[in-house]
């Protein structure tokens, strides 16, 4: 492990803030943060976190450097990004191993993450010669009009633990090509990956005589994160994390009229139709759920399958899961490593307990249907079958109720219990009303809709997009129709 750290210029104790090749900041008031190997529970190294004073020094340097960096021609900025990509190629293996060591994803995923960094650098190099603007004719004789895109300034990048290096590069490579400087606050669970990347950036910047373009500041959310969100010197915050935290980021930055890029968590489901290729479906489900130990925003969390293939698909999944090797992610043959820390393990078991307690008793009413609890094939497995009870002669809720009736705009798919009191709406043929889209088949058979709703929380207005529309026949089978859209 020590040899790996030395390859990436890391020490037993590291400074948690840097503004360039000669810009490592020693903060005597900073608290020590210990980075652990989640596979073994052993400490890897320490980082001295930044305080408010150090944060100010980093942002001031980034803001001052922006005035120079923005005036360098874009193709020359692209050359710096190109050299960064080459430096990442040279250190792909040790950096990928560090991602595996500190975060816990398997080695192939760690290497793949560094490759994503290299790929985005290649993309940004081309982008540096394609910062186009539109040229149009003017109504005034002898004049023309054109647009030219200008850099924003200092970009704040706040990344999550599950992709400790790649997400930074998706932002940083493009921001650098566009003429922005940046301040990176990585997740506290994976600080060493950020420091290793900063050392690589410093090598490249030293060759070009640059300082203050790529900056890093490691600290707690209260000490560093909140300051970034409220800092008027940072016009754009790019945040990756949970939906709840993303909502806080968006609201805080919007109050100062700043901009945000949000990459948040998901609740992803896979729909398996009656005629699906079950072998392909099984592999997709398994990879989506097992990859990064299920800690991705794109991880598979739910399966919605036709009842005629449910048993066979479940059997295939059980068989496939038995072949997944769980262990030290640095070892060959391991397909799934550990969760990132003890809190993640506790959250997983709490979620499992919530699921078990949430499922109604066998034969009891479920959310919009009836739940059947079936025993597994002698392996302790249980699975739940939800049967829709909506019929053509019964009212359904194809869309959420409007904000004006007490609905929260962020609850996209509520249970019936979440609807406000009062009479339930009935289907109205071919109309997009204030409650969303309500449609009926010409035969009076309801259309079941999987939809996305975008609502202005202040005015309650917005638009709804029906992602897929499913038509229900009188016998209860479902088939998909075309995409539909409507304006509220």
Protein backbone atom coordinates (compact mmCIF):
# COMPACT_ATOMS: atom_id res chain seq x y z
CA UNK A 1 0.00 0.00 0.00
CA UNK A 2 2.84 2.39 0.81
CA UNK A 3 4.38 1.88 -2.63
CA UNK A 4 1.04 2.72 -4.24
CA UNK A 5 0.77 5.95 -2.27
CA UNK A 6 4.32 6.95 -3.18
CA UNK A 7 3.57 6.51 -6.91
CA UNK A 8 0.81 9.09 -6.53
CA UNK A 9 2.88 11.48 -4.34
CA UNK A 10 0.75 10.76 -1.26
CA UNK A 11 2.11 10.66 2.29
CA UNK A 12 0.99 9.34 5.65
CA UNK A 13 -0.23 12.86 6.52
CA UNK A 14 -1.38 15.15 3.69
CA UNK A 15 -2.51 18.76 3.35
CA UNK A 16 -6.17 19.07 2.43
CA UNK A 17 -6.00 22.21 0.29
CA UNK A 18 -4.02 23.16 -2.79
CA UNK A 19 -4.04 25.85 -5.49
CA UNK A 20 -1.34 24.54 -7.83
CA UNK A 21 2.23 23.21 -8.09
CA UNK A 22 3.54 25.33 -5.21
CA UNK A 23 0.20 25.92 -3.56
CA UNK A 24 -0.20 23.26 -0.86
CA UNK A 25 -1.62 25.01 2.21
CA UNK A 26 -0.69 23.85 5.70
CA UNK A 27 -3.53 24.60 8.09
CA UNK A 28 -2.47 24.21 11.75
CA UNK A 29 -6.09 24.61 12.88
CA UNK A 30 -7.43 21.91 10.59
CA UNK A 31 -8.86 18.67 11.95
CA UNK A 32 -7.40 15.34 10.89
CA UNK A 33 -9.49 13.16 8.59
CA UNK A 34 -8.57 9.47 8.36
CA UNK A 35 -9.18 7.62 5.11
CA UNK A 36 -10.03 3.92 5.58
CA UNK A 37 -9.87 0.88 3.34
CA UNK A 38 -13.51 -0.33 3.45
CA UNK A 39 -12.54 -3.90 2.56
CA UNK A 40 -10.30 -4.31 5.61
CA UNK A 41 -11.33 -1.46 7.89
CA UNK A 42 -7.73 -0.34 8.09
CA UNK A 43 -6.53 3.29 7.90
CA UNK A 44 -4.74 4.32 4.72
CA UNK A 45 -3.56 7.86 5.45
CA UNK A 46 -4.53 11.13 7.14
CA UNK A 47 -5.61 14.44 5.65
CA UNK A 48 -5.56 17.78 7.47
CA UNK A 49 -8.88 19.37 6.56
CA UNK A 50 -9.30 22.98 5.53
CA UNK A 51 -10.79 25.61 7.80
CA UNK A 52 -12.65 28.76 6.79
CA UNK A 53 -9.37 30.67 6.51
CA UNK A 54 -7.90 28.11 4.14
CA UNK A 55 -11.10 28.00 2.10
CA UNK A 56 -10.88 31.77 1.57
CA UNK A 57 -7.30 31.48 0.40
CA UNK A 58 -8.20 28.79 -2.14
CA UNK A 59 -11.19 30.64 -3.60
CA UNK A 60 -9.29 33.93 -3.74
CA UNK A 61 -6.52 32.23 -5.72
CA UNK A 62 -9.03 30.61 -8.09
CA UNK A 63 -10.79 33.94 -8.67
CA UNK A 64 -7.51 35.78 -9.33
CA UNK A 65 -6.25 33.07 -11.69
CA UNK A 66 -9.49 33.19 -13.67
CA UNK A 67 -8.67 36.70 -14.89
CA UNK A 68 -5.57 35.32 -16.62
CA UNK A 69 -6.83 31.88 -17.60
CA UNK A 70 -9.89 33.22 -19.42
CA UNK A 71 -7.68 35.27 -21.76
CA UNK A 72 -5.61 32.29 -22.91
CA UNK A 73 -6.95 31.18 -26.33
CA UNK A 74 -9.26 28.20 -26.07
CA UNK A 75 -7.08 25.88 -28.26
CA UNK A 76 -4.13 26.56 -25.94
CA UNK A 77 -6.32 25.77 -22.94
CA UNK A 78 -7.21 22.56 -24.74
CA UNK A 79 -3.51 21.69 -24.94
CA UNK A 80 -3.35 21.81 -21.13
CA UNK A 81 -6.32 19.44 -20.94
CA UNK A 82 -4.65 17.19 -23.52
CA UNK A 83 -1.53 16.96 -21.37
CA UNK A 84 -3.73 16.17 -18.37
CA UNK A 85 -5.22 13.25 -20.29
CA UNK A 86 -1.73 11.98 -21.15
CA UNK A 87 -0.66 12.22 -17.50
CA UNK A 88 -3.73 10.22 -16.50
CA UNK A 89 -2.82 7.56 -19.07
CA UNK A 90 0.62 7.20 -17.54
CA UNK A 91 -0.80 6.79 -14.03
CA UNK A 92 -3.99 4.91 -14.92
CA UNK A 93 -3.05 1.72 -13.06
CA UNK A 94 -1.97 3.21 -9.70
CA UNK A 95 -4.83 5.73 -9.70
CA UNK A 96 -7.33 2.99 -10.55
CA UNK A 97 -5.95 0.86 -7.73
CA UNK A 98 -6.30 3.77 -5.32
CA UNK A 99 -9.95 4.19 -6.32
CA UNK A 100 -10.45 0.50 -5.53
CA UNK A 101 -8.50 0.70 -2.28
CA UNK A 102 -10.24 3.77 -0.88
CA UNK A 103 -13.76 3.45 -2.31
CA UNK A 104 -14.15 -0.33 -2.50
CA UNK A 105 -15.27 -0.88 -6.11
CA UNK A 106 -13.63 -3.79 -7.91
CA UNK A 107 -10.39 -3.23 -9.78
CA UNK A 108 -11.97 -3.35 -13.22
CA UNK A 109 -14.34 -0.56 -12.20
CA UNK A 110 -11.51 1.47 -10.70
CA UNK A 111 -9.55 1.25 -13.97
CA UNK A 112 -12.71 2.04 -15.90
CA UNK A 113 -13.24 5.18 -13.86
CA UNK A 114 -9.79 6.50 -14.75
CA UNK A 115 -10.45 5.64 -18.38
CA UNK A 116 -13.54 7.82 -18.22
CA UNK A 117 -11.31 10.67 -17.08
CA UNK A 118 -9.03 10.11 -20.06
CA UNK A 119 -11.99 9.97 -22.45
CA UNK A 120 -13.49 13.24 -21.24
CA UNK A 121 -10.11 14.95 -21.59
CA UNK A 122 -9.99 13.81 -25.22
CA UNK A 123 -13.50 15.15 -25.71
CA UNK A 124 -12.67 18.52 -24.11
CA UNK A 125 -9.60 18.93 -26.32
CA UNK A 126 -11.83 18.83 -29.39
CA UNK A 127 -14.34 21.09 -27.68
CA UNK A 128 -11.66 23.76 -27.21
CA UNK A 129 -11.70 24.29 -30.98
CA UNK A 130 -15.48 24.19 -31.28
CA UNK A 131 -16.71 27.01 -29.04
CA UNK A 132 -18.91 28.24 -31.83
CA UNK A 133 -21.24 31.23 -31.92
CA UNK A 134 -24.02 32.20 -34.33
CA UNK A 135 -23.50 35.01 -36.85
CA UNK A 136 -26.58 36.75 -38.28
CA UNK A 137 -27.42 39.67 -40.54
CA UNK A 138 -28.18 43.03 -39.00
CA UNK A 139 -31.00 45.40 -39.91
CA UNK A 140 -28.42 48.20 -39.97
CA UNK A 141 -26.39 48.69 -43.17
CA UNK A 142 -22.73 47.70 -42.92
CA UNK A 143 -23.24 45.82 -39.65
CA UNK A 144 -23.41 42.19 -38.61
CA UNK A 145 -24.39 40.50 -35.37
CA UNK A 146 -22.61 37.59 -33.76
CA UNK A 147 -22.54 35.79 -30.43
CA UNK A 148 -19.49 34.74 -28.50
CA UNK A 149 -19.55 32.49 -25.45
CA UNK A 150 -17.53 33.63 -22.45
CA UNK A 151 -16.40 31.63 -19.38
CA UNK A 152 -18.40 31.96 -16.18
CA UNK A 153 -15.65 32.25 -13.59
CA UNK A 154 -14.87 29.94 -10.67
CA UNK A 155 -16.80 26.66 -10.87
CA UNK A 156 -17.47 24.79 -7.62
CA UNK A 157 -17.40 20.99 -7.96
CA UNK A 158 -18.83 18.88 -5.13
CA UNK A 159 -18.51 15.15 -5.78
CA UNK A 160 -19.83 11.97 -4.16
CA UNK A 161 -17.95 8.96 -2.85
CA UNK A 162 -19.12 6.42 -5.44
CA UNK A 163 -17.19 7.98 -8.34
CA UNK A 164 -14.33 9.71 -6.52
CA UNK A 165 -12.44 10.89 -9.64
CA UNK A 166 -14.53 10.50 -12.81
CA UNK A 167 -17.29 12.98 -11.89
CA UNK A 168 -14.70 15.65 -11.16
CA UNK A 169 -13.15 15.14 -14.59
CA UNK A 170 -16.51 15.42 -16.37
CA UNK A 171 -16.77 18.92 -14.94
CA UNK A 172 -13.14 19.99 -14.77
CA UNK A 173 -11.98 19.06 -18.27
CA UNK A 174 -14.83 20.94 -19.94
CA UNK A 175 -14.64 23.88 -17.52
CA UNK A 176 -10.91 24.24 -18.18
CA UNK A 177 -11.38 24.16 -21.95
CA UNK A 178 -14.08 26.83 -21.64
CA UNK A 179 -11.82 29.12 -19.61
CA UNK A 180 -13.11 28.57 -16.09
CA UNK A 181 -11.09 27.84 -12.99
CA UNK A 182 -12.46 25.43 -10.43
CA UNK A 183 -12.57 24.54 -6.73
CA UNK A 184 -13.14 20.87 -5.93
CA UNK A 185 -14.66 19.62 -2.68
CA UNK A 186 -14.57 15.80 -2.72
CA UNK A 187 -16.55 13.49 -0.47
CA UNK A 188 -14.98 12.98 2.94
CA UNK A 189 -14.98 9.19 2.45
CA UNK A 190 -12.53 9.35 -0.49
CA UNK A 191 -10.16 12.31 0.03
CA UNK A 192 -6.98 10.55 -1.09
CA UNK A 193 -8.31 10.04 -4.62
CA UNK A 194 -8.84 13.78 -4.91
CA UNK A 195 -5.36 14.58 -3.61
CA UNK A 196 -3.81 12.09 -6.05
CA UNK A 197 -5.62 13.79 -8.94
CA UNK A 198 -4.48 17.20 -7.66
CA UNK A 199 -0.86 16.03 -7.73
CA UNK A 200 -1.32 14.97 -11.36
CA UNK A 201 -2.88 18.35 -12.20
CA UNK A 202 0.02 20.10 -10.48
CA UNK A 203 2.54 18.27 -12.68
CA UNK A 204 0.72 19.40 -15.82
CA UNK A 205 0.26 22.97 -14.60
CA UNK A 206 3.95 23.21 -13.67
CA UNK A 207 4.88 22.37 -17.27
CA UNK A 208 2.66 25.22 -18.48
CA UNK A 209 3.52 27.74 -15.75
CA UNK A 210 -0.03 27.78 -14.34
CA UNK A 211 -1.44 28.18 -10.85
CA UNK A 212 -4.94 28.39 -9.48
CA UNK A 213 -6.71 26.64 -12.38
CA UNK A 214 -7.27 23.27 -10.69
CA UNK A 215 -7.85 23.71 -6.94
CA UNK A 216 -8.93 21.34 -4.20
CA UNK A 217 -10.24 21.95 -0.69
CA UNK A 218 -11.12 19.09 1.64
CA UNK A 219 -13.36 19.80 4.59
CA UNK A 220 -16.69 19.10 6.21
CA UNK A 221 -19.98 20.16 4.72
CA UNK A 222 -20.54 22.77 7.41
CA UNK A 223 -17.00 24.19 7.19
CA UNK A 224 -16.48 24.12 3.43
CA UNK A 225 -19.59 22.90 1.62
CA UNK A 226 -22.01 25.53 2.91
CA UNK A 227 -19.50 28.29 2.22
CA UNK A 228 -19.25 27.17 -1.39
CA UNK A 229 -23.02 27.18 -1.80
CA UNK A 230 -23.31 30.72 -0.45
CA UNK A 231 -20.19 32.14 -2.11
CA UNK A 232 -21.02 34.85 -4.69
CA UNK A 233 -17.56 34.38 -6.22
CA UNK A 234 -18.67 30.95 -7.47
CA UNK A 235 -21.36 31.48 -10.16
CA UNK A 236 -21.83 27.76 -10.83
CA UNK A 237 -22.01 24.80 -8.44
CA UNK A 238 -21.91 21.28 -9.88
CA UNK A 239 -23.16 18.86 -7.22
CA UNK A 240 -23.40 15.07 -7.19
CA UNK A 241 -25.23 13.37 -4.33
CA UNK A 242 -28.61 12.56 -2.86
CA UNK A 243 -31.90 14.12 -3.93
CA UNK A 244 -32.50 15.66 -0.51
CA UNK A 245 -29.09 17.29 -0.47
CA UNK A 246 -29.45 18.30 -4.10
CA UNK A 247 -32.65 20.13 -3.26
CA UNK A 248 -30.80 22.03 -0.53
CA UNK A 249 -27.98 22.88 -2.94
CA UNK A 250 -30.40 24.14 -5.59
CA UNK A 251 -32.37 26.29 -3.16
CA UNK A 252 -29.28 27.78 -1.51
CA UNK A 253 -27.49 28.65 -4.74
CA UNK A 254 -30.68 29.99 -6.34
CA UNK A 255 -31.15 32.46 -3.50
CA UNK A 256 -28.02 34.26 -4.68
CA UNK A 257 -29.05 33.80 -8.35
CA UNK A 258 -26.27 31.28 -8.95
CA UNK A 259 -26.47 28.31 -11.29
CA UNK A 260 -26.36 24.61 -10.51
CA UNK A 261 -25.66 21.33 -12.26
CA UNK A 262 -27.22 18.48 -10.26
CA UNK A 263 -26.56 14.76 -10.68
CA UNK A 264 -28.70 13.13 -8.02
CA UNK A 265 -29.81 9.71 -6.81
CA UNK A 266 -32.39 7.51 -8.49
CA UNK A 267 -34.98 4.84 -7.82
CA UNK A 268 -34.39 2.86 -10.96
CA UNK A 269 -36.63 0.07 -12.12
CA UNK A 270 -36.34 -2.45 -14.94
CA UNK A 271 -39.51 -3.53 -16.74
CA UNK A 272 -39.37 -7.08 -18.06
CA UNK A 273 -42.12 -7.81 -20.59
CA UNK A 274 -43.74 -11.17 -21.24
CA UNK A 275 -41.73 -11.77 -24.42
CA UNK A 276 -38.39 -10.45 -23.13
CA UNK A 277 -35.11 -12.31 -23.55
CA UNK A 278 -34.75 -13.55 -19.97
CA UNK A 279 -31.05 -14.28 -20.28
CA UNK A 280 -30.41 -10.72 -21.41
CA UNK A 281 -32.73 -9.33 -18.73
CA UNK A 282 -31.04 -11.37 -16.02
CA UNK A 283 -27.58 -10.12 -16.98
CA UNK A 284 -28.77 -6.50 -17.14
CA UNK A 285 -30.49 -6.71 -13.76
CA UNK A 286 -27.52 -8.39 -12.12
CA UNK A 287 -24.95 -5.95 -13.47
CA UNK A 288 -27.13 -2.97 -12.62
CA UNK A 289 -27.61 -4.14 -9.03
CA UNK A 290 -24.18 -5.61 -8.24
CA UNK A 291 -21.99 -2.98 -9.93
CA UNK A 292 -20.27 -0.76 -7.33
CA UNK A 293 -22.11 -2.86 -4.70
CA UNK A 294 -25.35 -1.12 -5.66
CA UNK A 295 -24.03 2.32 -4.71
CA UNK A 296 -24.58 4.07 -8.04
CA UNK A 297 -27.28 6.57 -8.86
CA UNK A 298 -28.09 4.22 -11.76
CA UNK A 299 -28.18 1.02 -9.69
CA UNK A 300 -31.12 -1.32 -10.26
CA UNK A 301 -33.51 -1.07 -7.33
CA UNK A 302 -36.79 -2.49 -8.60
CA UNK A 303 -37.94 -5.10 -11.11
CA UNK A 304 -41.39 -4.95 -12.68
CA UNK A 305 -42.01 -8.18 -14.57
CA UNK A 306 -44.95 -9.90 -16.19
CA UNK A 307 -46.44 -12.54 -13.91
CA UNK A 308 -46.05 -15.25 -16.55
CA UNK A 309 -42.23 -15.01 -16.41
CA UNK A 310 -41.81 -13.90 -12.79
CA UNK A 311 -41.00 -17.33 -11.40
CA UNK A 312 -38.46 -18.25 -14.06
CA UNK A 313 -36.71 -14.88 -13.94
CA UNK A 314 -36.53 -15.00 -10.14
CA UNK A 315 -34.99 -18.47 -10.30
CA UNK A 316 -32.41 -17.29 -12.82
CA UNK A 317 -31.51 -14.31 -10.66
CA UNK A 318 -31.09 -16.45 -7.54
CA UNK A 319 -28.80 -18.78 -9.46
CA UNK A 320 -26.81 -15.86 -10.85
CA UNK A 321 -26.43 -14.17 -7.46
CA UNK A 322 -25.01 -17.38 -6.01
CA UNK A 323 -22.17 -17.07 -8.54
CA UNK A 324 -21.23 -13.52 -7.50
CA UNK A 325 -17.94 -13.54 -5.57
CA UNK A 326 -17.90 -10.96 -2.77
CA UNK A 327 -14.57 -10.03 -1.23
CA UNK A 328 -11.49 -7.85 -1.41
CA UNK A 329 -11.96 -5.79 -4.59
CA UNK A 330 -8.23 -5.82 -5.31
CA UNK A 331 -8.25 -9.59 -5.73
CA UNK A 332 -8.82 -11.20 -9.11
CA UNK A 333 -12.17 -12.91 -9.60
CA UNK A 334 -14.05 -10.73 -7.10
CA UNK A 335 -17.21 -9.25 -8.65
CA UNK A 336 -18.48 -7.19 -5.73
CA UNK A 337 -16.57 -5.33 -3.06
CA UNK A 338 -17.69 -3.84 0.24
CA UNK A 339 -20.00 -0.95 0.98
CA UNK A 340 -18.10 2.26 1.51
CA UNK A 341 -18.45 2.51 5.32
CA UNK A 342 -20.38 1.32 8.37
CA UNK A 343 -23.12 3.89 7.87
CA UNK A 344 -23.81 2.50 4.39
CA UNK A 345 -24.17 -0.99 5.88
CA UNK A 346 -26.57 0.30 8.53
CA UNK A 347 -28.61 2.12 5.90
CA UNK A 348 -28.84 -1.05 3.82
CA UNK A 349 -30.19 -3.14 6.69
CA UNK A 350 -32.57 -0.36 7.70
CA UNK A 351 -33.90 -0.25 4.14
CA UNK A 352 -34.41 -4.02 4.11
CA UNK A 353 -36.29 -3.81 7.39
CA UNK A 354 -38.45 -1.01 6.01
CA UNK A 355 -39.34 -3.08 2.97
CA UNK A 356 -40.34 -6.07 5.06
CA UNK A 357 -42.46 -3.96 7.39
CA UNK A 358 -44.03 -2.01 4.51
CA UNK A 359 -45.38 -5.03 2.62
CA UNK A 360 -48.98 -5.73 3.69
CA UNK A 361 -50.22 -9.09 4.88
CA UNK A 362 -50.93 -11.71 2.24
CA UNK A 363 -54.13 -10.86 0.43
CA UNK A 364 -54.29 -7.37 1.90
CA UNK A 365 -54.63 -4.19 -0.14
CA UNK A 366 -51.46 -2.79 -1.66
CA UNK A 367 -50.72 0.46 -3.36
CA UNK A 368 -53.35 0.49 -6.04
CA UNK A 369 -53.64 -3.29 -6.10
CA UNK A 370 -53.45 -6.52 -4.14
CA UNK A 371 -50.25 -8.00 -2.74
CA UNK A 372 -49.52 -11.73 -2.72
CA UNK A 373 -46.65 -13.08 -0.64
CA UNK A 374 -45.30 -16.33 -2.06
CA UNK A 375 -42.73 -18.61 -0.39
CA UNK A 376 -39.42 -19.24 -2.12
CA UNK A 377 -38.17 -22.55 -3.39
CA UNK A 378 -36.80 -23.71 -0.06
CA UNK A 379 -34.05 -21.07 0.01
CA UNK A 380 -35.69 -18.52 2.31
CA UNK A 381 -36.57 -16.31 -0.64
CA UNK A 382 -39.77 -14.32 -0.74
CA UNK A 383 -41.19 -12.32 -3.59
CA UNK A 384 -44.22 -10.10 -3.84
CA UNK A 385 -46.71 -9.92 -6.70
CA UNK A 386 -48.67 -6.71 -7.15
CA UNK A 387 -51.81 -7.12 -9.23
CA UNK A 388 -53.46 -3.98 -10.58
CA UNK A 389 -57.15 -3.78 -9.69
CA UNK A 390 -58.03 -0.86 -11.98
CA UNK A 391 -60.80 -1.72 -14.44
CA UNK A 392 -62.58 0.18 -17.16
CA UNK A 393 -65.58 0.76 -14.91
CA UNK A 394 -63.52 2.11 -11.98
CA UNK A 395 -61.87 5.55 -11.62
CA UNK A 396 -58.08 5.59 -11.51
CA UNK A 397 -55.43 8.26 -10.93
CA UNK A 398 -53.38 8.48 -14.13
CA UNK A 399 -51.63 11.64 -12.90
CA UNK A 400 -50.82 13.35 -9.59
CA UNK A 401 -53.25 15.93 -8.25
CA UNK A 402 -52.40 19.62 -8.66
CA UNK A 403 -50.30 21.61 -6.22
CA UNK A 404 -53.29 23.83 -5.47
CA UNK A 405 -54.99 20.88 -3.76
CA UNK A 406 -52.14 20.23 -1.39
CA UNK A 407 -49.89 18.02 -3.50
CA UNK A 408 -46.15 18.33 -3.12
CA UNK A 409 -44.65 18.87 -6.57
CA UNK A 410 -41.74 16.50 -5.91
CA UNK A 411 -43.91 13.46 -5.12
CA UNK A 412 -44.17 12.04 -8.61
CA UNK A 413 -45.75 8.68 -7.93
CA UNK A 414 -47.69 8.88 -4.64
CA UNK A 415 -49.67 6.12 -3.01
CA UNK A 416 -53.44 6.63 -2.70
CA UNK A 417 -52.91 7.40 0.99
CA UNK A 418 -50.95 10.52 0.02
CA UNK A 419 -53.81 12.11 -1.89
CA UNK A 420 -55.59 14.99 -0.12
CA UNK A 421 -59.10 14.39 1.23
CA UNK A 422 -62.09 14.94 -1.04
CA UNK A 423 -63.68 13.29 -4.03
CA UNK A 424 -61.44 11.36 -6.40
CA UNK A 425 -61.28 12.59 -9.99
CA UNK A 426 -62.83 10.44 -12.70
CA UNK A 427 -61.52 9.92 -16.20
CA UNK A 428 -62.34 12.60 -18.72
CA UNK A 429 -61.92 11.77 -22.35
CA UNK A 430 -59.13 13.44 -24.30
CA UNK A 431 -58.44 16.37 -21.99
CA UNK A 432 -55.30 17.75 -20.36
CA UNK A 433 -56.65 19.37 -17.21
CA UNK A 434 -55.10 21.21 -14.29
CA UNK A 435 -54.57 17.90 -12.50
CA UNK A 436 -52.38 16.59 -15.28
CA UNK A 437 -53.20 14.34 -18.20
CA UNK A 438 -56.45 12.41 -18.06
CA UNK A 439 -57.25 10.36 -21.09
CA UNK A 440 -59.56 7.54 -22.00
CA UNK A 441 -59.46 4.97 -24.75
CA UNK A 442 -62.30 5.37 -27.27
CA UNK A 443 -63.74 2.19 -25.75
CA UNK A 444 -63.67 3.72 -22.28
CA UNK A 445 -60.61 1.72 -21.17
CA UNK A 446 -58.16 3.82 -19.09
CA UNK A 447 -54.63 4.59 -20.13
CA UNK A 448 -52.08 3.90 -17.39
CA UNK A 449 -49.31 6.47 -17.51
CA UNK A 450 -45.71 6.53 -16.36
CA UNK A 451 -45.03 10.24 -16.29
CA UNK A 452 -42.63 12.98 -15.31
CA UNK A 453 -43.97 16.24 -13.87
CA UNK A 454 -42.00 19.48 -13.79
CA UNK A 455 -43.69 22.11 -11.65
CA UNK A 456 -42.71 25.62 -10.62
CA UNK A 457 -42.96 25.41 -6.79
CA UNK A 458 -43.90 29.09 -6.58
CA UNK A 459 -46.71 29.27 -9.14
CA UNK A 460 -47.77 25.63 -9.36
CA UNK A 461 -47.58 25.76 -13.16
CA UNK A 462 -45.39 23.77 -15.46
CA UNK A 463 -45.50 20.93 -17.94
CA UNK A 464 -45.98 17.20 -17.79
CA UNK A 465 -44.33 14.65 -20.04
CA UNK A 466 -45.76 11.18 -20.31
CA UNK A 467 -42.70 9.04 -20.76
CA UNK A 468 -44.61 5.93 -21.74
CA UNK A 469 -48.34 5.34 -22.03
CA UNK A 470 -49.72 1.87 -21.39
CA UNK A 471 -53.14 0.80 -22.59
CA UNK A 472 -55.08 -1.69 -20.51
CA UNK A 473 -57.41 -4.12 -22.24
CA UNK A 474 -60.62 -5.36 -20.60
CA UNK A 475 -58.82 -8.58 -19.65
CA UNK A 476 -56.11 -6.69 -17.78
CA UNK A 477 -53.12 -7.19 -20.07
CA UNK A 478 -51.01 -4.13 -20.78
CA UNK A 479 -49.22 -2.98 -23.90
CA UNK A 480 -47.24 0.19 -24.50
CA UNK A 481 -48.34 3.06 -26.71
CA UNK A 482 -46.48 6.07 -28.04
CA UNK A 483 -44.99 8.97 -26.12
CA UNK A 484 -47.45 11.72 -25.26
CA UNK A 485 -46.93 15.25 -23.99
CA UNK A 486 -49.23 17.93 -22.69
CA UNK A 487 -48.94 21.41 -21.25
CA UNK A 488 -50.48 22.23 -17.87
